[in-house]
Protein backbone atom coordinates (compact mmCIF):
# COMPACT_ATOMS: atom_id res chain seq x y z
CA UNK A 1 0.07 -0.17 0.22
CA UNK A 2 1.29 3.41 -0.94
CA UNK A 3 0.20 6.35 1.35
CA UNK A 4 0.26 10.06 0.32
CA UNK A 5 -0.86 12.88 2.43
CA UNK A 6 -2.21 15.89 0.61
CA UNK A 7 -0.78 19.43 0.43
CA UNK A 8 -3.80 21.06 -0.99
CA UNK A 9 -7.21 19.97 -1.27
CA UNK A 10 -8.33 18.04 -4.33
CA UNK A 11 -11.66 16.54 -5.97
CA UNK A 12 -12.54 13.11 -6.37
CA UNK A 13 -15.16 10.58 -7.32
CA UNK A 14 -16.91 8.82 -4.37
CA UNK A 15 -19.51 5.67 -5.09
CA UNK A 16 -21.30 4.88 -2.25
CA UNK A 17 -24.01 2.29 -2.53
CA UNK A 18 -27.09 4.83 -0.80
CA UNK A 19 -25.84 7.97 -1.89
CA UNK A 20 -24.53 7.04 -5.55
CA UNK A 21 -21.91 8.56 -7.40
CA UNK A 22 -20.86 12.17 -6.25
CA UNK A 23 -17.60 14.42 -6.34
CA UNK A 24 -16.24 14.88 -3.12
CA UNK A 25 -13.52 17.48 -1.81
CA UNK A 26 -10.34 15.82 -0.13
CA UNK A 27 -8.98 18.38 2.46
CA UNK A 28 -5.42 19.42 2.49
CA UNK A 29 -3.78 16.95 5.00
CA UNK A 30 -6.06 14.04 4.06
CA UNK A 31 -4.05 10.57 3.82
CA UNK A 32 -4.88 8.74 1.27
CA UNK A 33 -3.79 4.95 0.86
CA UNK A 34 -3.18 3.32 -2.81
CA UNK A 35 -2.87 -0.35 -3.60
CA UNK A 36 0.88 -0.78 -4.65
CA UNK A 37 -0.32 -2.45 -8.11
CA UNK A 38 -1.82 1.08 -9.18
CA UNK A 39 1.94 1.90 -9.58
CA UNK A 40 3.32 -0.85 -10.90
CA UNK A 41 4.86 -0.77 -14.41
CA UNK A 42 2.56 -1.96 -17.46
CA UNK A 43 -0.40 -0.46 -15.31
CA UNK A 44 -1.65 2.70 -17.09
CA UNK A 45 -4.51 4.61 -15.97
CA UNK A 46 -5.05 7.95 -15.37
CA UNK A 47 -7.40 7.40 -12.35
CA UNK A 48 -6.47 5.51 -9.16
CA UNK A 49 -9.00 4.18 -6.14
CA UNK A 50 -7.64 5.60 -2.87
CA UNK A 51 -8.82 4.87 0.40
CA UNK A 52 -9.90 8.04 2.67
CA UNK A 53 -11.54 7.34 6.12
CA UNK A 54 -14.10 4.66 4.97
CA UNK A 55 -14.36 5.50 1.63
CA UNK A 56 -12.89 4.53 -1.86
CA UNK A 57 -12.35 7.51 -3.77
CA UNK A 58 -11.19 7.69 -7.47
CA UNK A 59 -8.67 10.61 -8.08
CA UNK A 60 -6.57 11.50 -11.06
CA UNK A 61 -3.03 10.38 -10.80
CA UNK A 62 -1.63 13.73 -12.23
CA UNK A 63 -3.65 15.57 -9.27
CA UNK A 64 -2.08 13.12 -6.59
CA UNK A 65 1.44 13.32 -7.80
CA UNK A 66 1.28 17.55 -8.07
CA UNK A 67 -1.12 18.36 -4.72
CA UNK A 68 0.03 15.44 -2.14
CA UNK A 69 3.68 14.02 -1.38
CA UNK A 70 4.25 10.38 -0.35
CA UNK A 71 4.42 9.23 3.10
CA UNK A 72 7.47 6.92 3.88
CA UNK A 73 6.64 3.49 5.07
CA UNK A 74 7.71 2.30 8.06
CA UNK A 75 11.04 0.38 8.06
CA UNK A 76 11.84 1.90 4.42
CA UNK A 77 14.45 4.36 3.46
CA UNK A 78 13.33 7.86 2.38
CA UNK A 79 12.88 8.39 -1.10
CA UNK A 80 15.55 11.12 -2.04
CA UNK A 81 15.42 12.85 -5.35
């Protein structure tokens, strides 16, 4: 699982059984968890599904990269460069 913390707010698409499909604003500081497969070589998509609180939100990869920062995983070396 990859974890990102948003530096600034961004919009995602939420699909809830009771509320249907809707847009949702993810606030600055929100922590999103994305499955590792979303960033594996050969996987090409403009959007990824992320876990935020108790929601699954579809977000644009470009928004995630420009508005968020990877959170280092416990036991891993910091990402430099």
